[in-house]
């Protein structure tokens, strides 16, 4: 079974999206170090509901 270049490129892009989605919470947690700010509170308010 061979994989066409288009199929291979799609597979790589799907993997990149999955990796990005998995790593995003950790990346954002590092970037938003001031968890007492109003912006942080507004952005995370929905999590407490």
N, C-alpha and C. Protein backbone atom coordinates (compact mmCIF):
# COMPACT_ATOMS: atom_id res chain seq x y z
N UNK A 1 0.85 -1.17 0.00
CA UNK A 1 0.00 0.00 0.00
C UNK A 1 0.89 1.24 0.00
N UNK A 2 0.65 2.12 -0.92
CA UNK A 2 1.44 3.34 -0.99
C UNK A 2 0.58 4.52 -0.56
N UNK A 3 1.25 5.52 -0.06
CA UNK A 3 0.57 6.72 0.40
C UNK A 3 0.93 7.85 -0.55
N UNK A 4 -0.07 8.43 -1.17
CA UNK A 4 0.18 9.54 -2.07
C UNK A 4 0.72 10.73 -1.29
N UNK A 5 1.43 11.61 -1.97
CA UNK A 5 2.01 12.79 -1.32
C UNK A 5 0.93 13.62 -0.65
N UNK A 6 -0.21 13.77 -1.27
CA UNK A 6 -1.30 14.55 -0.68
C UNK A 6 -1.76 13.91 0.62
N UNK A 7 -1.92 12.61 0.62
CA UNK A 7 -2.32 11.90 1.82
C UNK A 7 -1.28 12.00 2.92
N UNK A 8 -0.02 11.92 2.52
CA UNK A 8 1.08 12.04 3.49
C UNK A 8 1.12 13.44 4.10
N UNK A 9 0.98 14.46 3.25
CA UNK A 9 0.96 15.84 3.74
C UNK A 9 -0.21 16.07 4.69
N UNK A 10 -1.36 15.50 4.36
CA UNK A 10 -2.52 15.62 5.23
C UNK A 10 -2.27 14.94 6.57
N UNK A 11 -1.66 13.78 6.54
CA UNK A 11 -1.35 13.06 7.77
C UNK A 11 -0.40 13.88 8.65
N UNK A 12 0.61 14.49 8.04
CA UNK A 12 1.56 15.31 8.80
C UNK A 12 0.87 16.54 9.40
N UNK A 13 0.00 17.17 8.64
CA UNK A 13 -0.71 18.35 9.14
C UNK A 13 -1.65 17.98 10.29
N UNK A 14 -2.33 16.84 10.18
CA UNK A 14 -3.20 16.39 11.27
C UNK A 14 -2.39 16.13 12.53
N UNK A 15 -1.21 15.54 12.38
CA UNK A 15 -0.35 15.29 13.53
C UNK A 15 0.12 16.59 14.16
N UNK A 16 0.45 17.58 13.31
CA UNK A 16 0.88 18.88 13.82
C UNK A 16 -0.24 19.55 14.62
N UNK A 17 -1.46 19.47 14.10
CA UNK A 17 -2.61 20.07 14.79
C UNK A 17 -2.85 19.36 16.12
N UNK A 18 -2.78 18.03 16.13
CA UNK A 18 -2.97 17.28 17.38
C UNK A 18 -1.91 17.65 18.41
N UNK A 19 -0.66 17.74 17.97
CA UNK A 19 0.42 18.11 18.88
C UNK A 19 0.21 19.51 19.43
N UNK A 20 -0.16 20.44 18.55
CA UNK A 20 -0.40 21.81 18.98
C UNK A 20 -1.55 21.87 19.98
N UNK A 21 -2.63 21.15 19.70
CA UNK A 21 -3.79 21.14 20.58
C UNK A 21 -3.43 20.55 21.94
N UNK A 22 -2.61 19.52 21.95
CA UNK A 22 -2.20 18.87 23.20
C UNK A 22 -1.27 19.77 24.01
N UNK A 23 -0.39 20.50 23.33
CA UNK A 23 0.61 21.31 24.02
C UNK A 23 0.11 22.71 24.37
N UNK A 24 -0.99 23.16 23.77
CA UNK A 24 -1.46 24.53 23.98
C UNK A 24 -1.73 24.87 25.44
N UNK A 25 -2.40 24.04 26.23
CA UNK A 25 -2.64 24.42 27.63
C UNK A 25 -1.35 24.65 28.42
N UNK A 26 -0.35 23.84 28.18
CA UNK A 26 0.93 24.00 28.88
C UNK A 26 1.63 25.29 28.44
N UNK A 27 1.57 25.56 27.15
CA UNK A 27 2.19 26.77 26.62
C UNK A 27 1.51 28.01 27.18
N UNK A 28 0.19 28.02 27.19
CA UNK A 28 -0.54 29.18 27.70
C UNK A 28 -0.31 29.35 29.19
N UNK A 29 -0.20 28.26 29.93
CA UNK A 29 0.05 28.36 31.36
C UNK A 29 1.40 29.02 31.63
N UNK A 30 2.38 28.71 30.79
CA UNK A 30 3.70 29.34 30.95
C UNK A 30 3.66 30.81 30.57
N UNK A 31 2.90 31.14 29.51
CA UNK A 31 2.85 32.52 29.03
C UNK A 31 2.08 33.42 29.98
N UNK A 32 1.04 32.90 30.60
CA UNK A 32 0.21 33.71 31.50
C UNK A 32 0.65 33.41 32.92
N UNK A 33 1.70 34.07 33.35
CA UNK A 33 2.23 33.80 34.68
C UNK A 33 1.54 34.61 35.76
N UNK A 34 0.92 35.74 35.40
CA UNK A 34 0.21 36.56 36.38
C UNK A 34 -1.24 36.11 36.44
N UNK A 35 -1.50 35.14 37.29
CA UNK A 35 -2.84 34.57 37.37
C UNK A 35 -3.78 35.39 38.25
N UNK A 36 -3.32 36.54 38.73
CA UNK A 36 -4.19 37.42 39.53
C UNK A 36 -4.73 38.57 38.69
N UNK A 37 -4.33 38.67 37.44
CA UNK A 37 -4.76 39.79 36.61
C UNK A 37 -6.23 39.65 36.23
N UNK A 38 -6.83 40.79 35.94
CA UNK A 38 -8.23 40.82 35.53
C UNK A 38 -8.43 40.06 34.22
N UNK A 39 -7.49 40.20 33.30
CA UNK A 39 -7.58 39.49 32.02
C UNK A 39 -7.61 37.99 32.23
N UNK A 40 -6.74 37.48 33.08
CA UNK A 40 -6.72 36.04 33.36
C UNK A 40 -8.05 35.60 33.98
N UNK A 41 -8.56 36.38 34.91
CA UNK A 41 -9.83 36.04 35.56
C UNK A 41 -10.97 35.99 34.55
N UNK A 42 -11.00 36.96 33.64
CA UNK A 42 -12.05 36.98 32.62
C UNK A 42 -11.94 35.79 31.67
N UNK A 43 -10.72 35.45 31.30
CA UNK A 43 -10.52 34.37 30.34
C UNK A 43 -10.78 32.99 30.94
N UNK A 44 -10.67 32.84 32.24
CA UNK A 44 -10.84 31.53 32.86
C UNK A 44 -12.12 31.42 33.68
N UNK A 45 -12.94 32.43 33.67
CA UNK A 45 -14.17 32.43 34.46
C UNK A 45 -15.08 31.27 34.07
N UNK A 46 -15.17 30.96 32.79
CA UNK A 46 -16.07 29.89 32.35
C UNK A 46 -15.68 28.53 32.91
N UNK A 47 -14.43 28.36 33.32
CA UNK A 47 -13.99 27.07 33.85
C UNK A 47 -14.60 26.77 35.22
N UNK A 48 -14.98 27.80 35.94
CA UNK A 48 -15.52 27.60 37.29
C UNK A 48 -17.03 27.39 37.27
N UNK A 49 -17.64 27.51 36.14
CA UNK A 49 -19.10 27.35 36.07
C UNK A 49 -19.50 25.91 35.90
